Amino acid sequence: MLILQIAALGPIHGYAIAQRLQQISRDVVQVQQGSLYPALHRLENRGLLAATWKASDTGRDAKFYRLTVKGRAQLKEETKNWARLAEAIGQILRTAEGT
């Protein structure tokens, strides 16, 4: 869900996705390359991301990912499910604090 959210902001290469997640989360979320790139490949294989090779800011070729229509629908669904889960967990914690 987090990768899809970052890709929804516009085309971005893998290393920049990891940097953006770390930056936005104030260093709470740190994704290792060994986890990120397999996840990107899975999302691309499922049709949730599309990728094109372009020159990055450093001049080196990099694979830039963008969200597909299918990916946008998946992001919407996952975001809705996450909100429902977070609300349920919050309710459990509030109830547990009251006992």
N, C-alpha and C. Protein backbone atom coordinates (compact mmCIF):
# COMPACT_ATOMS: atom_id res chain seq x y z
N MET A 1 0.83 -1.18 0.00
CA MET A 1 0.00 0.00 0.00
C MET A 1 0.88 1.26 0.00
N LEU A 2 1.95 1.25 0.79
CA LEU A 2 2.80 2.43 0.88
C LEU A 2 3.53 2.70 -0.44
N ILE A 3 4.00 1.65 -1.08
CA ILE A 3 4.67 1.82 -2.37
C ILE A 3 3.68 2.37 -3.39
N LEU A 4 2.48 1.85 -3.42
CA LEU A 4 1.46 2.34 -4.35
C LEU A 4 1.15 3.81 -4.08
N GLN A 5 1.09 4.20 -2.82
CA GLN A 5 0.80 5.59 -2.47
C GLN A 5 1.90 6.51 -2.97
N ILE A 6 3.14 6.12 -2.81
CA ILE A 6 4.26 6.94 -3.27
C ILE A 6 4.24 7.03 -4.80
N ALA A 7 3.98 5.91 -5.47
CA ALA A 7 3.93 5.90 -6.94
C ALA A 7 2.76 6.73 -7.46
N ALA A 8 1.72 6.88 -6.66
CA ALA A 8 0.56 7.68 -7.08
C ALA A 8 0.91 9.16 -7.22
N LEU A 9 2.01 9.57 -6.60
CA LEU A 9 2.43 10.97 -6.67
C LEU A 9 3.08 11.32 -7.99
N GLY A 10 3.47 10.31 -8.77
CA GLY A 10 4.10 10.53 -10.07
C GLY A 10 5.21 9.52 -10.29
N PRO A 11 5.72 9.43 -11.52
CA PRO A 11 6.77 8.46 -11.83
C PRO A 11 7.98 8.62 -10.90
N ILE A 12 8.48 7.49 -10.43
CA ILE A 12 9.56 7.52 -9.44
C ILE A 12 10.35 6.22 -9.52
N HIS A 13 11.65 6.31 -9.33
CA HIS A 13 12.47 5.10 -9.37
C HIS A 13 12.58 4.49 -7.97
N GLY A 14 13.01 3.23 -7.92
CA GLY A 14 13.00 2.47 -6.68
C GLY A 14 13.72 3.12 -5.53
N TYR A 15 14.94 3.58 -5.76
CA TYR A 15 15.71 4.19 -4.68
C TYR A 15 14.98 5.41 -4.12
N ALA A 16 14.36 6.20 -5.01
CA ALA A 16 13.62 7.39 -4.57
C ALA A 16 12.38 7.01 -3.77
N ILE A 17 11.77 5.86 -4.09
CA ILE A 17 10.63 5.38 -3.30
C ILE A 17 11.07 5.13 -1.87
N ALA A 18 12.18 4.43 -1.70
CA ALA A 18 12.70 4.15 -0.36
C ALA A 18 13.02 5.44 0.38
N GLN A 19 13.65 6.38 -0.31
CA GLN A 19 13.99 7.67 0.31
C GLN A 19 12.73 8.43 0.72
N ARG A 20 11.74 8.46 -0.16
CA ARG A 20 10.50 9.21 0.12
C ARG A 20 9.78 8.61 1.32
N LEU A 21 9.69 7.28 1.39
CA LEU A 21 9.04 6.63 2.53
C LEU A 21 9.75 6.99 3.83
N GLN A 22 11.06 6.94 3.80
CA GLN A 22 11.85 7.26 5.00
C GLN A 22 11.67 8.73 5.38
N GLN A 23 11.70 9.61 4.39
CA GLN A 23 11.57 11.04 4.65
C GLN A 23 10.19 11.39 5.21
N ILE A 24 9.14 10.92 4.55
CA ILE A 24 7.78 11.26 4.98
C ILE A 24 7.49 10.70 6.37
N SER A 25 8.01 9.51 6.66
CA SER A 25 7.75 8.87 7.96
C SER A 25 8.71 9.34 9.05
N ARG A 26 9.57 10.28 8.71
CA ARG A 26 10.57 10.78 9.66
C ARG A 26 11.42 9.63 10.21
N ASP A 27 11.91 8.82 9.29
CA ASP A 27 12.82 7.70 9.56
C ASP A 27 12.18 6.52 10.28
N VAL A 28 10.87 6.50 10.42
CA VAL A 28 10.21 5.36 11.05
C VAL A 28 10.12 4.19 10.07
N VAL A 29 9.78 4.47 8.81
CA VAL A 29 9.67 3.44 7.79
C VAL A 29 10.95 3.45 6.96
N GLN A 30 11.67 2.33 7.03
CA GLN A 30 12.89 2.18 6.24
C GLN A 30 12.79 0.86 5.49
N VAL A 31 12.80 0.94 4.17
CA VAL A 31 12.64 -0.24 3.34
C VAL A 31 14.00 -0.59 2.75
N GLN A 32 14.46 -1.80 3.00
CA GLN A 32 15.72 -2.26 2.46
C GLN A 32 15.56 -2.62 0.98
N GLN A 33 16.62 -2.41 0.20
CA GLN A 33 16.56 -2.72 -1.22
C GLN A 33 16.22 -4.18 -1.48
N GLY A 34 16.67 -5.07 -0.60
CA GLY A 34 16.39 -6.49 -0.76
C GLY A 34 14.91 -6.82 -0.61
N SER A 35 14.15 -5.93 0.00
CA SER A 35 12.70 -6.09 0.11
C SER A 35 11.96 -5.26 -0.92
N LEU A 36 12.48 -4.06 -1.19
CA LEU A 36 11.80 -3.13 -2.08
C LEU A 36 11.73 -3.63 -3.52
N TYR A 37 12.85 -4.03 -4.08
CA TYR A 37 12.86 -4.39 -5.49
C TYR A 37 12.03 -5.64 -5.81
N PRO A 38 12.07 -6.67 -4.98
CA PRO A 38 11.14 -7.79 -5.23
C PRO A 38 9.67 -7.35 -5.15
N ALA A 39 9.36 -6.45 -4.21
CA ALA A 39 7.99 -5.95 -4.09
C ALA A 39 7.60 -5.16 -5.34
N LEU A 40 8.50 -4.34 -5.85
CA LEU A 40 8.22 -3.58 -7.07
C LEU A 40 7.96 -4.51 -8.25
N HIS A 41 8.77 -5.57 -8.36
CA HIS A 41 8.57 -6.54 -9.44
C HIS A 41 7.23 -7.25 -9.32
N ARG A 42 6.85 -7.62 -8.10
CA ARG A 42 5.55 -8.27 -7.90
C ARG A 42 4.40 -7.33 -8.28
N LEU A 43 4.50 -6.07 -7.86
CA LEU A 43 3.45 -5.10 -8.18
C LEU A 43 3.38 -4.86 -9.69
N GLU A 44 4.53 -4.85 -10.34
CA GLU A 44 4.55 -4.68 -11.80
C GLU A 44 3.95 -5.92 -12.47
N ASN A 45 4.31 -7.10 -12.01
CA ASN A 45 3.77 -8.35 -12.59
C ASN A 45 2.25 -8.45 -12.40
N ARG A 46 1.73 -7.90 -11.32
CA ARG A 46 0.29 -7.93 -11.07
C ARG A 46 -0.45 -6.82 -11.81
N GLY A 47 0.29 -5.97 -12.52
CA GLY A 47 -0.33 -4.90 -13.29
C GLY A 47 -0.72 -3.68 -12.48
N LEU A 48 -0.18 -3.58 -11.26
CA LEU A 48 -0.51 -2.44 -10.41
C LEU A 48 0.43 -1.27 -10.65
N LEU A 49 1.63 -1.58 -11.13
CA LEU A 49 2.61 -0.57 -11.51
C LEU A 49 3.04 -0.83 -12.95
N ALA A 50 3.37 0.22 -13.65
CA ALA A 50 3.99 0.11 -14.97
C ALA A 50 5.35 0.80 -14.85
N ALA A 51 6.32 0.33 -15.65
CA ALA A 51 7.67 0.87 -15.52
C ALA A 51 8.26 1.18 -16.89
N THR A 52 9.08 2.21 -16.91
CA THR A 52 9.84 2.57 -18.10
C THR A 52 11.25 2.96 -17.66
N TRP A 53 12.20 2.65 -18.52
CA TRP A 53 13.60 3.00 -18.25
C TRP A 53 13.84 4.42 -18.73
N LYS A 54 14.41 5.25 -17.85
CA LYS A 54 14.76 6.63 -18.18
C LYS A 54 16.03 7.00 -17.42
N ALA A 55 16.63 8.10 -17.84
CA ALA A 55 17.80 8.60 -17.11
C ALA A 55 17.34 9.24 -15.80
N SER A 56 18.03 8.92 -14.73
CA SER A 56 17.71 9.51 -13.43
C SER A 56 18.44 10.84 -13.27
N ASP A 57 18.32 11.46 -12.12
CA ASP A 57 18.99 12.74 -11.84
C ASP A 57 20.50 12.61 -11.95
N THR A 58 21.01 11.42 -11.69
CA THR A 58 22.46 11.20 -11.75
C THR A 58 22.94 10.90 -13.16
N GLY A 59 22.00 10.79 -14.10
CA GLY A 59 22.36 10.49 -15.48
C GLY A 59 22.38 8.99 -15.80
N ARG A 60 22.26 8.17 -14.77
CA ARG A 60 22.23 6.73 -14.97
C ARG A 60 20.80 6.30 -15.28
N ASP A 61 20.68 5.26 -16.10
CA ASP A 61 19.35 4.73 -16.39
C ASP A 61 18.75 4.08 -15.16
N ALA A 62 17.48 4.33 -14.94
CA ALA A 62 16.76 3.74 -13.81
C ALA A 62 15.35 3.40 -14.28
N LYS A 63 14.76 2.43 -13.63
CA LYS A 63 13.40 2.03 -13.94
C LYS A 63 12.46 2.92 -13.13
N PHE A 64 11.64 3.70 -13.83
CA PHE A 64 10.69 4.59 -13.17
C PHE A 64 9.32 3.91 -13.16
N TYR A 65 8.71 3.88 -11.99
CA TYR A 65 7.42 3.23 -11.79
C TYR A 65 6.32 4.27 -11.71
N ARG A 66 5.16 3.91 -12.26
CA ARG A 66 3.98 4.75 -12.13
C ARG A 66 2.79 3.84 -11.85
N LEU A 67 1.81 4.40 -11.19
CA LEU A 67 0.61 3.66 -10.83
C LEU A 67 -0.28 3.48 -12.06
N THR A 68 -0.80 2.28 -12.24
CA THR A 68 -1.74 2.01 -13.33
C THR A 68 -3.17 2.25 -12.83
N VAL A 69 -4.12 2.17 -13.72
CA VAL A 69 -5.53 2.29 -13.34
C VAL A 69 -5.88 1.18 -12.35
N LYS A 70 -5.42 -0.02 -12.64
CA LYS A 70 -5.64 -1.15 -11.73
C LYS A 70 -4.97 -0.90 -10.38
N GLY A 71 -3.78 -0.30 -10.41
CA GLY A 71 -3.07 0.02 -9.18
C GLY A 71 -3.79 1.06 -8.35
N ARG A 72 -4.37 2.05 -9.04
CA ARG A 72 -5.12 3.09 -8.33
C ARG A 72 -6.34 2.50 -7.62
N ALA A 73 -7.03 1.57 -8.28
CA ALA A 73 -8.18 0.91 -7.67
C ALA A 73 -7.73 0.07 -6.48
N GLN A 74 -6.60 -0.63 -6.62
CA GLN A 74 -6.06 -1.45 -5.52
C GLN A 74 -5.66 -0.57 -4.34
N LEU A 75 -5.04 0.56 -4.62
CA LEU A 75 -4.64 1.49 -3.56
C LEU A 75 -5.87 1.99 -2.81
N LYS A 76 -6.92 2.32 -3.53
CA LYS A 76 -8.15 2.79 -2.89
C LYS A 76 -8.72 1.71 -1.97
N GLU A 77 -8.75 0.48 -2.44
CA GLU A 77 -9.27 -0.64 -1.65
C GLU A 77 -8.41 -0.90 -0.42
N GLU A 78 -7.10 -0.93 -0.61
CA GLU A 78 -6.19 -1.19 0.52
C GLU A 78 -6.24 -0.07 1.54
N THR A 79 -6.37 1.17 1.08
CA THR A 79 -6.47 2.30 2.00
C THR A 79 -7.73 2.20 2.84
N LYS A 80 -8.83 1.81 2.20
CA LYS A 80 -10.10 1.63 2.91
C LYS A 80 -9.97 0.51 3.96
N ASN A 81 -9.35 -0.60 3.56
CA ASN A 81 -9.17 -1.72 4.49
C ASN A 81 -8.26 -1.33 5.65
N TRP A 82 -7.20 -0.56 5.37
CA TRP A 82 -6.28 -0.13 6.42
C TRP A 82 -7.01 0.78 7.42
N ALA A 83 -7.83 1.69 6.93
CA ALA A 83 -8.58 2.58 7.82
C ALA A 83 -9.52 1.78 8.71
N ARG A 84 -10.17 0.77 8.13
CA ARG A 84 -11.07 -0.08 8.92
C ARG A 84 -10.30 -0.84 10.00
N LEU A 85 -9.13 -1.39 9.63
CA LEU A 85 -8.31 -2.12 10.59
C LEU A 85 -7.79 -1.20 11.70
N ALA A 86 -7.31 -0.01 11.31
CA ALA A 86 -6.79 0.95 12.29
C ALA A 86 -7.89 1.37 13.27
N GLU A 87 -9.10 1.55 12.77
CA GLU A 87 -10.22 1.91 13.64
C GLU A 87 -10.53 0.77 14.62
N ALA A 88 -10.52 -0.45 14.12
CA ALA A 88 -10.79 -1.61 14.98
C ALA A 88 -9.71 -1.76 16.06
N ILE A 89 -8.48 -1.57 15.69
CA ILE A 89 -7.38 -1.66 16.67
C ILE A 89 -7.51 -0.55 17.70
N GLY A 90 -7.83 0.65 17.22
CA GLY A 90 -8.04 1.77 18.15
C GLY A 90 -9.15 1.50 19.13
N GLN A 91 -10.22 0.89 18.65
CA GLN A 91 -11.35 0.55 19.53
C GLN A 91 -10.92 -0.47 20.57
N ILE A 92 -10.17 -1.47 20.15
CA ILE A 92 -9.67 -2.49 21.09
C ILE A 92 -8.80 -1.85 22.15
N LEU A 93 -7.88 -0.95 21.74
CA LEU A 93 -6.98 -0.29 22.69
C LEU A 93 -7.76 0.60 23.65
N ARG A 94 -8.74 1.32 23.13
CA ARG A 94 -9.56 2.18 24.01
C ARG A 94 -10.34 1.36 25.01
N THR A 95 -10.88 0.23 24.56
CA THR A 95 -11.65 -0.65 25.45
C THR A 95 -10.74 -1.26 26.51
N ALA A 96 -9.54 -1.70 26.09
CA ALA A 96 -8.60 -2.31 27.02
C ALA A 96 -8.12 -1.31 28.07
N GLU A 97 -7.99 -0.04 27.71
CA GLU A 97 -7.56 0.97 28.65
C GLU A 97 -8.64 1.26 29.70
N GLY A 98 -9.88 1.04 29.33
CA GLY A 98 -10.99 1.30 30.22
C GLY A 98 -11.20 0.22 31.27
N THR A 99 -10.51 -0.91 31.14
CA THR A 99 -10.72 -1.99 32.11
C THR A 99 -9.73 -1.94 33.23
